[in-house]
C-alpha atoms as a PDB file:
ATOM      1  CA  MET A   1      18.568  -3.075 -19.649  1.00  0.00           C
ATOM      2  CA  LYS A   2      18.084   0.298 -17.971  1.00  0.00           C
ATOM      3  CA  ALA A   3      17.570   0.249 -14.210  1.00  0.00           C
ATOM      4  CA  VAL A   4      17.675   2.677 -11.295  1.00  0.00           C
ATOM      5  CA  LEU A   5      20.314   1.893  -8.673  1.00  0.00           C
ATOM      6  CA  LEU A   6      20.213   3.139  -5.092  1.00  0.00           C
ATOM      7  CA  ASP A   7      23.932   3.565  -4.501  1.00  0.00           C
ATOM      8  CA  THR A   8      26.136   3.443  -1.430  1.00  0.00           C
ATOM      9  CA  ASP A   9      25.968   7.263  -1.186  1.00  0.00           C
ATOM     10  CA  ASP A  10      22.139   7.173  -0.860  1.00  0.00           C
ATOM     11  CA  HIS A  11      21.712   8.569  -4.371  1.00  0.00           C
ATOM     12  CA  TYR A  12      19.709   7.117  -7.247  1.00  0.00           C
ATOM     13  CA  ARG A  13      21.288   6.747 -10.677  1.00  0.00           C
ATOM     14  CA  VAL A  14      20.178   5.170 -13.952  1.00  0.00           C
ATOM     15  CA  ALA A  15      22.523   2.380 -15.064  1.00  0.00           C
ATOM     16  CA  GLU A  16      22.800  -0.366 -17.684  1.00  0.00           C
ATOM     17  CA  LEU A  17      22.525  -3.865 -16.194  1.00  0.00           C
ATOM     18  CA  ASP A  18      22.147  -7.404 -17.489  1.00  0.00           C
ATOM     19  CA  GLU A  19      18.589  -8.655 -17.692  1.00  0.00           C
ATOM     20  CA  PRO A  20      17.795 -11.130 -14.885  1.00  0.00           C
ATOM     21  CA  ALA A  21      16.651 -14.670 -15.695  1.00  0.00           C
ATOM     22  CA  PRO A  22      13.763 -16.215 -13.737  1.00  0.00           C
ATOM     23  CA  GLY A  23      14.503 -19.024 -11.313  1.00  0.00           C
ATOM     24  CA  PRO A  24      12.134 -21.781 -10.164  1.00  0.00           C
ATOM     25  CA  GLY A  25       8.682 -20.419  -9.407  1.00  0.00           C
ATOM     26  CA  GLN A  26       9.470 -17.002 -10.860  1.00  0.00           C
ATOM     27  CA  VAL A  27       8.429 -14.938 -13.850  1.00  0.00           C
ATOM     28  CA  ALA A  28      10.410 -12.228 -15.614  1.00  0.00           C
ATOM     29  CA  ILE A  29       8.284  -9.182 -16.442  1.00  0.00           C
ATOM     30  CA  ARG A  30       9.053  -6.531 -19.043  1.00  0.00           C
ATOM     31  CA  VAL A  31       8.012  -3.514 -17.017  1.00  0.00           C
ATOM     32  CA  ALA A  32       5.685  -0.849 -18.342  1.00  0.00           C
ATOM     33  CA  TYR A  33       5.026   0.991 -15.067  1.00  0.00           C
ATOM     34  CA  ALA A  34       6.243   0.618 -11.495  1.00  0.00           C
ATOM     35  CA  GLY A  35       4.398   1.786  -8.404  1.00  0.00           C
ATOM     36  CA  ILE A  36       6.022   4.109  -5.882  1.00  0.00           C
ATOM     37  CA  GLN A  37       5.220   3.361  -2.236  1.00  0.00           C
ATOM     38  CA  TRP A  38       6.226   4.081   1.347  1.00  0.00           C
ATOM     39  CA  GLY A  39       8.657   1.177   1.380  1.00  0.00           C
ATOM     40  CA  ASP A  40      10.824   3.188  -1.006  1.00  0.00           C
ATOM     41  CA  THR A  41      11.322   5.886   1.612  1.00  0.00           C
ATOM     42  CA  MET A  42      12.140   3.262   4.251  1.00  0.00           C
ATOM     43  CA  VAL A  43      14.792   1.620   2.055  1.00  0.00           C
ATOM     44  CA  ARG A  44      16.285   4.972   1.108  1.00  0.00           C
ATOM     45  CA  ASP A  45      16.493   6.051   4.745  1.00  0.00           C
ATOM     46  CA  GLY A  46      18.028   2.780   5.942  1.00  0.00           C
ATOM     47  CA  HIS A  47      15.062   1.388   7.896  1.00  0.00           C
ATOM     48  CA  PHE A  48      15.225  -1.722   5.665  1.00  0.00           C
ATOM     49  CA  PRO A  49      18.959  -2.462   5.466  1.00  0.00           C
ATOM     50  CA  VAL A  50      19.863  -3.845   2.036  1.00  0.00           C
ATOM     51  CA  ARG A  51      23.219  -4.337   0.393  1.00  0.00           C
ATOM     52  CA  ARG A  52      23.976  -1.518  -2.040  1.00  0.00           C
ATOM     53  CA  PRO A  53      24.057  -0.759  -4.895  1.00  0.00           C
ATOM     54  CA  PHE A  54      20.493  -2.031  -5.066  1.00  0.00           C
ATOM     55  CA  VAL A  55      17.676  -1.830  -7.621  1.00  0.00           C
ATOM     56  CA  PRO A  56      14.614  -0.781  -5.608  1.00  0.00           C
ATOM     57  CA  GLY A  57      10.972  -1.007  -6.617  1.00  0.00           C
ATOM     58  CA  PHE A  58       8.374  -3.354  -5.149  1.00  0.00           C
ATOM     59  CA  GLU A  59       5.427  -3.319  -7.559  1.00  0.00           C
ATOM     60  CA  ALA A  60       5.160  -3.369 -11.327  1.00  0.00           C
ATOM     61  CA  SER A  61       2.895  -3.911 -14.293  1.00  0.00           C
ATOM     62  CA  GLY A  62       3.934  -5.194 -17.698  1.00  0.00           C
ATOM     63  CA  HIS A  63       4.053  -8.386 -19.753  1.00  0.00           C
ATOM     64  CA  VAL A  64       5.550 -11.732 -18.750  1.00  0.00           C
ATOM     65  CA  ALA A  65       8.736 -12.131 -20.827  1.00  0.00           C
ATOM     66  CA  ALA A  66       9.953 -15.499 -19.513  1.00  0.00           C
ATOM     67  CA  VAL A  67       9.101 -18.097 -16.878  1.00  0.00           C
ATOM     68  CA  GLY A  68      11.197 -20.221 -14.570  1.00  0.00           C
ATOM     69  CA  GLU A  69      10.983 -23.898 -13.764  1.00  0.00           C
ATOM     70  CA  GLY A  70       7.562 -24.976 -12.540  1.00  0.00           C
ATOM     71  CA  VAL A  71       5.686 -22.051 -14.071  1.00  0.00           C
ATOM     72  CA  ASP A  72       3.204 -22.526 -16.905  1.00  0.00           C
ATOM     73  CA  ALA A  73       4.936 -21.485 -20.132  1.00  0.00           C
ATOM     74  CA  SER A  74       1.630 -20.189 -21.512  1.00  0.00           C
ATOM     75  CA  ARG A  75       2.008 -17.189 -19.192  1.00  0.00           C
ATOM     76  CA  VAL A  76       4.630 -15.683 -21.523  1.00  0.00           C
ATOM     77  CA  GLY A  77       3.086 -12.568 -23.036  1.00  0.00           C
ATOM     78  CA  GLU A  78       0.432 -12.266 -20.314  1.00  0.00           C
ATOM     79  CA  PRO A  79      -0.262  -8.718 -19.058  1.00  0.00           C
ATOM     80  CA  VAL A  80       0.205  -8.711 -15.293  1.00  0.00           C
ATOM     81  CA  THR A  81       0.517  -6.665 -12.159  1.00  0.00           C
ATOM     82  CA  ALA A  82       3.062  -8.021  -9.692  1.00  0.00           C
ATOM     83  CA  LEU A  83       4.414  -7.658  -6.174  1.00  0.00           C
ATOM     84  CA  THR A  84       8.196  -7.975  -5.985  1.00  0.00           C
ATOM     85  CA  THR A  85      10.894  -8.107  -3.337  1.00  0.00           C
ATOM     86  CA  ALA A  86      13.031  -5.600  -5.290  1.00  0.00           C
ATOM     87  CA  GLY A  87      14.000  -4.576  -8.796  1.00  0.00           C
ATOM     88  CA  ALA A  88      10.807  -3.050 -10.222  1.00  0.00           C
ATOM     89  CA  TYR A  89      12.564   0.173 -11.234  1.00  0.00           C
ATOM     90  CA  ALA A  90      14.075  -1.543 -14.255  1.00  0.00           C
ATOM     91  CA  GLU A  91      13.068  -2.646 -17.720  1.00  0.00           C
ATOM     92  CA  VAL A  92      12.861  -6.280 -16.529  1.00  0.00           C
ATOM     93  CA  VAL A  93      12.004  -7.482 -13.028  1.00  0.00           C
ATOM     94  CA  LEU A  94      11.635 -10.902 -11.414  1.00  0.00           C
ATOM     95  CA  ALA A  95       8.577 -11.731  -9.343  1.00  0.00           C
ATOM     96  CA  PRO A  96       7.177 -14.856  -7.671  1.00  0.00           C
ATOM     97  CA  ALA A  97       4.689 -16.366 -10.096  1.00  0.00           C
ATOM     98  CA  VAL A  98       2.155 -16.635  -7.265  1.00  0.00           C
ATOM     99  CA  LEU A  99       2.312 -12.830  -6.840  1.00  0.00           C
ATOM    100  CA  ALA A 100       2.024 -11.971 -10.555  1.00  0.00           C
ATOM    101  CA  PHE A 101      -1.616 -11.540 -11.525  1.00  0.00           C
ATOM    102  CA  GLY A 102      -3.236 -11.483 -14.925  1.00  0.00           C
ATOM    103  CA  ILE A 103      -5.121  -8.223 -15.457  1.00  0.00           C
ATOM    104  CA  GLY A 104      -7.153  -8.995 -18.567  1.00  0.00           C
ATOM    105  CA  ASP A 105      -8.208  -5.762 -20.246  1.00  0.00           C
ATOM    106  CA  LEU A 106      -7.278  -3.495 -17.335  1.00  0.00           C
ATOM    107  CA  PRO A 107      -4.811  -0.820 -18.559  1.00  0.00           C
ATOM    108  CA  LEU A 108      -1.214  -1.433 -17.461  1.00  0.00           C
ATOM    109  CA  ARG A 109      -1.052   2.085 -16.041  1.00  0.00           C
ATOM    110  CA  THR A 110      -4.056   1.452 -13.791  1.00  0.00           C
ATOM    111  CA  ALA A 111      -2.752  -1.976 -12.831  1.00  0.00           C
ATOM    112  CA  ALA A 112       0.506  -0.439 -11.635  1.00  0.00           C
ATOM    113  CA  GLY A 113      -1.515   1.636  -9.178  1.00  0.00           C
ATOM    114  CA  LEU A 114      -2.746  -1.430  -7.293  1.00  0.00           C
ATOM    115  CA  GLY A 115       0.642  -2.477  -5.963  1.00  0.00           C
ATOM    116  CA  TRP A 116       0.856  -3.408  -2.302  1.00  0.00           C
ATOM    117  CA  GLY A 117      -1.664  -0.724  -1.396  1.00  0.00           C
ATOM    118  CA  ALA A 118      -4.737  -2.448  -2.820  1.00  0.00           C
ATOM    119  CA  PRO A 119      -4.365  -5.781  -0.985  1.00  0.00           C
ATOM    120  CA  THR A 120      -3.280  -3.927   2.153  1.00  0.00           C
ATOM    121  CA  ALA A 121      -6.397  -1.754   2.109  1.00  0.00           C
ATOM    122  CA  TYR A 122      -8.582  -4.757   1.307  1.00  0.00           C
ATOM    123  CA  ASP A 123      -7.125  -6.800   4.170  1.00  0.00           C
ATOM    124  CA  LEU A 124      -7.249  -3.936   6.663  1.00  0.00           C
ATOM    125  CA  ILE A 125     -10.992  -3.681   6.154  1.00  0.00           C
ATOM    126  CA  ASN A 126     -11.991  -7.266   5.473  1.00  0.00           C
ATOM    127  CA  THR A 127      -9.546  -9.584   7.243  1.00  0.00           C
ATOM    128  CA  ALA A 128      -7.794  -7.576   9.973  1.00  0.00           C
ATOM    129  CA  ALA A 129     -10.615  -5.306  11.178  1.00  0.00           C
ATOM    130  CA  HIS A 130     -13.535  -7.412   9.873  1.00  0.00           C
ATOM    131  CA  VAL A 131     -15.686  -4.347   9.246  1.00  0.00           C
ATOM    132  CA  ARG A 132     -19.355  -5.244   9.607  1.00  0.00           C
ATOM    133  CA  PRO A 133     -22.456  -3.553   8.176  1.00  0.00           C
ATOM    134  CA  GLY A 134     -23.459  -0.510  10.194  1.00  0.00           C
ATOM    135  CA  GLU A 135     -20.069   0.025  11.858  1.00  0.00           C
ATOM    136  CA  SER A 136     -18.076   3.256  11.990  1.00  0.00           C
ATOM    137  CA  VAL A 137     -14.523   3.514  10.652  1.00  0.00           C
ATOM    138  CA  LEU A 138     -11.823   6.146  11.164  1.00  0.00           C
ATOM    139  CA  ILE A 139      -8.896   6.191   8.731  1.00  0.00           C
ATOM    140  CA  HIS A 140      -5.628   8.034   9.390  1.00  0.00           C
ATOM    141  CA  ALA A 141      -3.579   9.155   6.345  1.00  0.00           C
ATOM    142  CA  ALA A 142      -6.930   9.311   4.589  1.00  0.00           C
ATOM    143  CA  ALA A 143      -5.638  10.945   1.385  1.00  0.00           C
ATOM    144  CA  GLY A 144      -2.899   8.388   0.718  1.00  0.00           C
ATOM    145  CA  GLY A 145      -2.972   5.427  -1.626  1.00  0.00           C
ATOM    146  CA  VAL A 146      -4.028   2.984   1.098  1.00  0.00           C
ATOM    147  CA  GLY A 147      -6.432   5.383   2.789  1.00  0.00           C
ATOM    148  CA  THR A 148      -8.405   6.263  -0.339  1.00  0.00           C
ATOM    149  CA  LEU A 149      -8.792   2.573  -1.187  1.00  0.00           C
ATOM    150  CA  ALA A 150      -9.660   1.605   2.393  1.00  0.00           C
ATOM    151  CA  ALA A 151     -12.500   4.127   2.448  1.00  0.00           C
ATOM    152  CA  GLN A 152     -13.986   2.529  -0.660  1.00  0.00           C
ATOM    153  CA  PHE A 153     -13.566  -1.016   0.663  1.00  0.00           C
ATOM    154  CA  ALA A 154     -15.141   0.041   3.969  1.00  0.00           C
ATOM    155  CA  ARG A 155     -18.219   1.358   2.182  1.00  0.00           C
ATOM    156  CA  LEU A 156     -18.529  -1.879   0.206  1.00  0.00           C
ATOM    157  CA  ALA A 157     -18.277  -3.789   3.512  1.00  0.00           C
ATOM    158  CA  GLY A 158     -21.295  -1.861   4.773  1.00  0.00           C
ATOM    159  CA  ALA A 159     -19.678   0.753   7.019  1.00  0.00           C
ATOM    160  CA  ASP A 160     -22.280   3.308   8.045  1.00  0.00           C
ATOM    161  CA  ARG A 161     -19.897   6.178   8.854  1.00  0.00           C
ATOM    162  CA  ILE A 162     -16.355   6.744   7.561  1.00  0.00           C
ATOM    163  CA  VAL A 163     -14.163   9.543   8.913  1.00  0.00           C
ATOM    164  CA  GLY A 164     -10.720  10.432   7.584  1.00  0.00           C
ATOM    165  CA  VAL A 165      -7.802  12.306   9.154  1.00  0.00           C
ATOM    166  CA  VAL A 166      -5.437  14.258   6.877  1.00  0.00           C
ATOM    167  CA  GLY A 167      -2.499  16.627   7.160  1.00  0.00           C
ATOM    168  CA  ASN A 168      -3.900  19.773   5.535  1.00  0.00           C
ATOM    169  CA  GLY A 169      -6.836  21.319   3.736  1.00  0.00           C
ATOM    170  CA  LEU A 170      -5.628  20.426   0.262  1.00  0.00           C
ATOM    171  CA  ARG A 171      -5.429  16.766   1.221  1.00  0.00           C
ATOM    172  CA  ALA A 172      -8.902  17.005   2.758  1.00  0.00           C
ATOM    173  CA  ASP A 173     -10.278  18.399  -0.512  1.00  0.00           C
ATOM    174  CA  TYR A 174      -8.669  15.533  -2.407  1.00  0.00           C
ATOM    175  CA  ALA A 175      -9.845  12.809  -0.021  1.00  0.00           C
ATOM    176  CA  ALA A 176     -13.444  14.076  -0.132  1.00  0.00           C
ATOM    177  CA  GLN A 177     -14.008  12.363  -3.497  1.00  0.00           C
ATOM    178  CA  PHE A 178     -13.588   8.870  -1.993  1.00  0.00           C
ATOM    179  CA  GLY A 179     -16.763   8.716   0.064  1.00  0.00           C
ATOM    180  CA  TYR A 180     -15.713   9.962   3.494  1.00  0.00           C
ATOM    181  CA  ASP A 181     -18.574  11.267   5.617  1.00  0.00           C
ATOM    182  CA  GLN A 182     -16.257  13.674   7.432  1.00  0.00           C
ATOM    183  CA  LEU A 183     -12.631  14.748   7.143  1.00  0.00           C
ATOM    184  CA  LEU A 184     -10.537  16.177   9.964  1.00  0.00           C
ATOM    185  CA  LEU A 185      -7.192  17.908   9.918  1.00  0.00           C
ATOM    186  CA  ARG A 186      -4.549  16.228  12.024  1.00  0.00           C
ATOM    187  CA  GLU A 187      -4.616  19.017  14.612  1.00  0.00           C
ATOM    188  CA  GLU A 188      -8.397  18.596  14.946  1.00  0.00           C
ATOM    189  CA  PHE A 189      -8.096  14.944  15.977  1.00  0.00           C
ATOM    190  CA  PRO A 190      -9.634  13.968  18.333  1.00  0.00           C
ATOM    191  CA  THR A 191     -11.031  17.236  19.740  1.00  0.00           C
ATOM    192  CA  LYS A 192     -13.464  17.884  16.893  1.00  0.00           C
ATOM    193  CA  LEU A 193     -15.008  14.435  17.341  1.00  0.00           C
ATOM    194  CA  GLY A 194     -16.355  15.233  20.786  1.00  0.00           C
ATOM    195  CA  ASP A 195     -17.508  12.033  22.467  1.00  0.00           C
ATOM    196  CA  GLU A 196     -17.713  10.006  19.257  1.00  0.00           C
ATOM    197  CA  LYS A 197     -16.083   6.570  19.334  1.00  0.00           C
ATOM    198  CA  PHE A 198     -15.335   4.210  16.440  1.00  0.00           C
ATOM    199  CA  ASP A 199     -15.735   0.520  15.837  1.00  0.00           C
ATOM    200  CA  VAL A 200     -12.613   0.418  13.646  1.00  0.00           C
ATOM    201  CA  ILE A 201      -9.562   2.701  13.388  1.00  0.00           C
ATOM    202  CA  LEU A 202      -6.799   2.222  10.807  1.00  0.00           C
ATOM    203  CA  ASP A 203      -3.466   3.648  11.956  1.00  0.00           C
ATOM    204  CA  PRO A 204      -0.249   3.783   9.904  1.00  0.00           C
ATOM    205  CA  VAL A 205       1.064   6.727  11.955  1.00  0.00           C
ATOM    206  CA  GLY A 206       2.080   5.373  15.358  1.00  0.00           C
ATOM    207  CA  GLY A 207       3.367   7.331  18.340  1.00  0.00           C
ATOM    208  CA  SER A 208       0.928   9.661  20.087  1.00  0.00           C
ATOM    209  CA  THR A 209      -1.643   9.107  17.335  1.00  0.00           C
ATOM    210  CA  ARG A 210      -1.810   5.425  18.245  1.00  0.00           C
ATOM    211  CA  HIS A 211      -2.220   6.202  21.946  1.00  0.00           C
ATOM    212  CA  THR A 212      -5.033   8.659  21.222  1.00  0.00           C
ATOM    213  CA  SER A 213      -6.694   6.335  18.742  1.00  0.00           C
ATOM    214  CA  LEU A 214      -6.942   3.558  21.317  1.00  0.00           C
ATOM    215  CA  LYS A 215      -8.952   5.938  23.483  1.00  0.00           C
ATOM    216  CA  GLN A 216     -11.285   6.669  20.558  1.00  0.00           C
ATOM    217  CA  LEU A 217     -12.318   3.034  20.159  1.00  0.00           C
ATOM    218  CA  ALA A 218     -15.858   2.053  21.016  1.00  0.00           C
ATOM    219  CA  GLU A 219     -16.471  -1.021  23.121  1.00  0.00           C
ATOM    220  CA  HIS A 220     -15.488  -4.086  21.083  1.00  0.00           C
ATOM    221  CA  GLY A 221     -13.620  -1.762  18.711  1.00  0.00           C
ATOM    222  CA  ARG A 222     -10.529  -2.764  16.717  1.00  0.00           C
ATOM    223  CA  LEU A 223      -7.485  -0.618  16.021  1.00  0.00           C
ATOM    224  CA  VAL A 224      -5.324  -1.951  13.187  1.00  0.00           C
ATOM    225  CA  ALA A 225      -1.713  -0.738  13.220  1.00  0.00           C
ATOM    226  CA  TYR A 226       0.066  -1.158   9.896  1.00  0.00           C
ATOM    227  CA  GLY A 227       2.939   1.320   9.905  1.00  0.00           C
ATOM    228  CA  ASN A 228       4.941   3.941  11.774  1.00  0.00           C
ATOM    229  CA  LEU A 229       4.917   7.095   9.682  1.00  0.00           C
ATOM    230  CA  SER A 230       5.673   9.411  12.579  1.00  0.00           C
ATOM    231  CA  THR A 231       8.016   7.440  14.829  1.00  0.00           C
ATOM    232  CA  TYR A 232       9.407   3.973  15.458  1.00  0.00           C
ATOM    233  CA  GLU A 233       9.149   4.406  19.222  1.00  0.00           C
ATOM    234  CA  PRO A 234       7.138   1.519  20.706  1.00  0.00           C
ATOM    235  CA  VAL A 235       3.563   2.152  21.808  1.00  0.00           C
ATOM    236  CA  LEU A 236       2.565   0.318  24.975  1.00  0.00           C
ATOM    237  CA  ALA A 237      -1.054  -0.667  25.586  1.00  0.00           C
ATOM    238  CA  ASN A 238      -2.697  -1.804  28.809  1.00  0.00           C
ATOM    239  CA  THR A 239      -4.124  -5.214  27.929  1.00  0.00           C
ATOM    240  CA  ASN A 240      -6.252  -5.259  31.091  1.00  0.00           C
ATOM    241  CA  ASP A 241      -7.941  -2.043  29.973  1.00  0.00           C
ATOM    242  CA  LEU A 242      -8.452  -3.440  26.479  1.00  0.00           C
ATOM    243  CA  LEU A 243      -9.954  -6.605  27.928  1.00  0.00           C
ATOM    244  CA  MET A 244     -12.384  -4.758  30.186  1.00  0.00           C
ATOM    245  CA  HIS A 245     -13.844  -2.904  27.184  1.00  0.00           C
ATOM    246  CA  GLY A 246     -13.512  -5.676  24.620  1.00  0.00           C
ATOM    247  CA  LYS A 247     -11.119  -3.578  22.539  1.00  0.00           C
ATOM    248  CA  SER A 248      -8.476  -5.105  20.248  1.00  0.00           C
ATOM    249  CA  LEU A 249      -5.122  -3.855  18.985  1.00  0.00           C
ATOM    250  CA  VAL A 250      -4.341  -5.738  15.763  1.00  0.00           C
ATOM    251  CA  THR A 251      -1.323  -5.468  13.465  1.00  0.00           C
ATOM    252  CA  TYR A 252      -1.032  -6.090   9.742  1.00  0.00           C
ATOM    253  CA  ASN A 253       2.209  -6.668   7.800  1.00  0.00           C
ATOM    254  CA  SER A 254       1.765  -7.387   4.083  1.00  0.00           C
ATOM    255  CA  ASN A 255       5.497  -7.882   3.487  1.00  0.00           C
ATOM    256  CA  LEU A 256       5.619 -10.631   6.116  1.00  0.00           C
ATOM    257  CA  LEU A 257       2.441 -12.158   4.709  1.00  0.00           C
ATOM    258  CA  SER A 258       4.056 -12.374   1.265  1.00  0.00           C
ATOM    259  CA  GLN A 259       6.857 -14.483   2.754  1.00  0.00           C
ATOM    260  CA  THR A 260       4.865 -16.698   5.117  1.00  0.00           C
ATOM    261  CA  ARG A 261       1.408 -17.021   3.523  1.00  0.00           C
ATOM    262  CA  PRO A 262       1.752 -15.769  -0.067  1.00  0.00           C
ATOM    263  CA  GLU A 263      -1.402 -17.585  -1.142  1.00  0.00           C
ATOM    264  CA  ARG A 264      -3.423 -15.536   1.368  1.00  0.00           C
ATOM    265  CA  LEU A 265      -1.977 -12.293   0.066  1.00  0.00           C
ATOM    266  CA  ALA A 266      -2.596 -13.471  -3.491  1.00  0.00           C
ATOM    267  CA  ASP A 267      -6.262 -14.091  -2.698  1.00  0.00           C
ATOM    268  CA  SER A 268      -6.628 -10.527  -1.411  1.00  0.00           C
ATOM    269  CA  VAL A 269      -4.909  -9.126  -4.503  1.00  0.00           C
ATOM    270  CA  ARG A 270      -7.321 -11.011  -6.754  1.00  0.00           C
ATOM    271  CA  ARG A 271     -10.337  -9.788  -4.790  1.00  0.00           C
ATOM    272  CA  ALA A 272      -9.133  -6.173  -4.884  1.00  0.00           C
ATOM    273  CA  LEU A 273      -8.229  -6.482  -8.560  1.00  0.00           C
ATOM    274  CA  GLY A 274     -11.716  -7.761  -9.344  1.00  0.00           C
ATOM    275  CA  LEU A 275     -13.354  -4.804  -7.610  1.00  0.00           C
ATOM    276  CA  VAL A 276     -11.142  -2.365  -9.520  1.00  0.00           C
ATOM    277  CA  ALA A 277     -11.717  -4.146 -12.830  1.00  0.00           C
ATOM    278  CA  ASP A 278     -15.506  -3.983 -12.515  1.00  0.00           C
ATOM    279  CA  GLY A 279     -15.479  -0.326 -11.470  1.00  0.00           C
ATOM    280  CA  GLN A 280     -16.600  -0.682  -7.859  1.00  0.00           C
ATOM    281  CA  VAL A 281     -13.263   0.664  -6.561  1.00  0.00           C
ATOM    282  CA  ARG A 282     -11.131   3.382  -8.135  1.00  0.00           C
ATOM    283  CA  VAL A 283      -7.336   3.552  -8.084  1.00  0.00           C
ATOM    284  CA  ASP A 284      -6.373   7.206  -8.452  1.00  0.00           C
ATOM    285  CA  ILE A 285      -2.957   7.831 -10.017  1.00  0.00           C
ATOM    286  CA  THR A 286      -2.051  11.448  -9.391  1.00  0.00           C
ATOM    287  CA  ALA A 287       1.616  11.626 -10.408  1.00  0.00           C
ATOM    288  CA  GLU A 288       3.757   9.929 -13.065  1.00  0.00           C
ATOM    289  CA  TYR A 289       7.547  10.180 -13.217  1.00  0.00           C
ATOM    290  CA  ASP A 290      10.363   9.109 -15.538  1.00  0.00           C
ATOM    291  CA  LEU A 291      13.119   6.725 -14.410  1.00  0.00           C
ATOM    292  CA  ALA A 292      15.550   9.603 -13.990  1.00  0.00           C
ATOM    293  CA  ASP A 293      13.147  11.385 -11.622  1.00  0.00           C
ATOM    294  CA  LEU A 294      12.801   8.624  -9.030  1.00  0.00           C
ATOM    295  CA  ALA A 295      14.682  10.564  -6.349  1.00  0.00           C
ATOM    296  CA  LEU A 296      12.235  13.450  -6.711  1.00  0.00           C
ATOM    297  CA  ALA A 297       9.254  11.098  -6.594  1.00  0.00           C
ATOM    298  CA  VAL A 298      10.416   9.402  -3.384  1.00  0.00           C
ATOM    299  CA  GLN A 299      11.209  12.756  -1.792  1.00  0.00           C
ATOM    300  CA  HIS A 300       7.728  14.066  -2.596  1.00  0.00           C
ATOM    301  CA  LEU A 301       6.231  10.976  -0.967  1.00  0.00           C
ATOM    302  CA  ALA A 302       8.428  11.322   2.125  1.00  0.00           C
ATOM    303  CA  GLU A 303       7.485  15.009   2.504  1.00  0.00           C
ATOM    304  CA  GLY A 304       3.781  14.257   2.271  1.00  0.00           C
ATOM    305  CA  THR A 305       3.273  16.512  -0.731  1.00  0.00           C
ATOM    306  CA  THR A 306       1.673  13.752  -2.799  1.00  0.00           C
ATOM    307  CA  HIS A 307      -1.732  12.153  -2.461  1.00  0.00           C
ATOM    308  CA  GLY A 308      -3.307   9.129  -4.079  1.00  0.00           C
ATOM    309  CA  LYS A 309      -0.863   6.945  -5.999  1.00  0.00           C
ATOM    310  CA  SER A 310       2.404   7.849  -7.765  1.00  0.00           C
ATOM    311  CA  ILE A 311       3.929   5.654 -10.471  1.00  0.00           C
ATOM    312  CA  LEU A 312       7.138   5.481 -12.493  1.00  0.00           C
ATOM    313  CA  ARG A 313       6.941   5.155 -16.258  1.00  0.00           C
ATOM    314  CA  VAL A 314       9.524   2.573 -17.390  1.00  0.00           C
ATOM    315  CA  ALA A 315       8.655   1.505 -20.943  1.00  0.00           C
END
């Protein structure tokens, strides 16, 4: 089979490899499309140390080609979207059966756009922040794959006001189609907000943005940290100050959840998938690449020149 290898010299190359066989509890998927996500930049840059050469790729859509021990054989041929630990940038990938989800009539291309972003956005709003009707929500990285989905999930949860923060005007124009009430450029945060505080803030940025965001929380507000786009330097919070104002600093880690409570992550995937399938939430795929162009795709993501969701066409 064809697969993309991330080699010891930090370069991607297309190679011919043997097809993997599913082990107990696994399915083998013949990949149609694979989603591109921030984890790809982290692996490339060495933040997730893996032995190389390595076939990256953490989300895929396609058809189940084979099943391992303990998996219902009737799943062979089923169209699915799946979360993987690696290997999605190949013609065949292995995935835990519990994290491979039937998609019914949903197009494989659309299904590839769900990836880790859809359950992450769903959980940020519904299980980590517990957004309630009438609350206000501020979303950093508002034009990204998670941000655009989170805005839609927040509205469905009853949020009364949703504000997004983006890097430039083009990203603001793009994000405007996802139901934000206001969009700010990064340099306008928080000055342009005046005295406004928020019940919920979603922060994948870290660093000074996280410090400032804590100050923008209303009483009983929740800040959910789910990444470190700007820096890996630790952010220290005064728990006494948080306690006095009823504020909470919450973290969310979908990769850890997949290892420790996969059934919980699976439930969130199914809920998000259902909302996409019935048209209440839109996954916006804005870029599609060939296998040979993976390096370019990951670089575009790392530079922040993409918005929405990027995918890789495999079959």
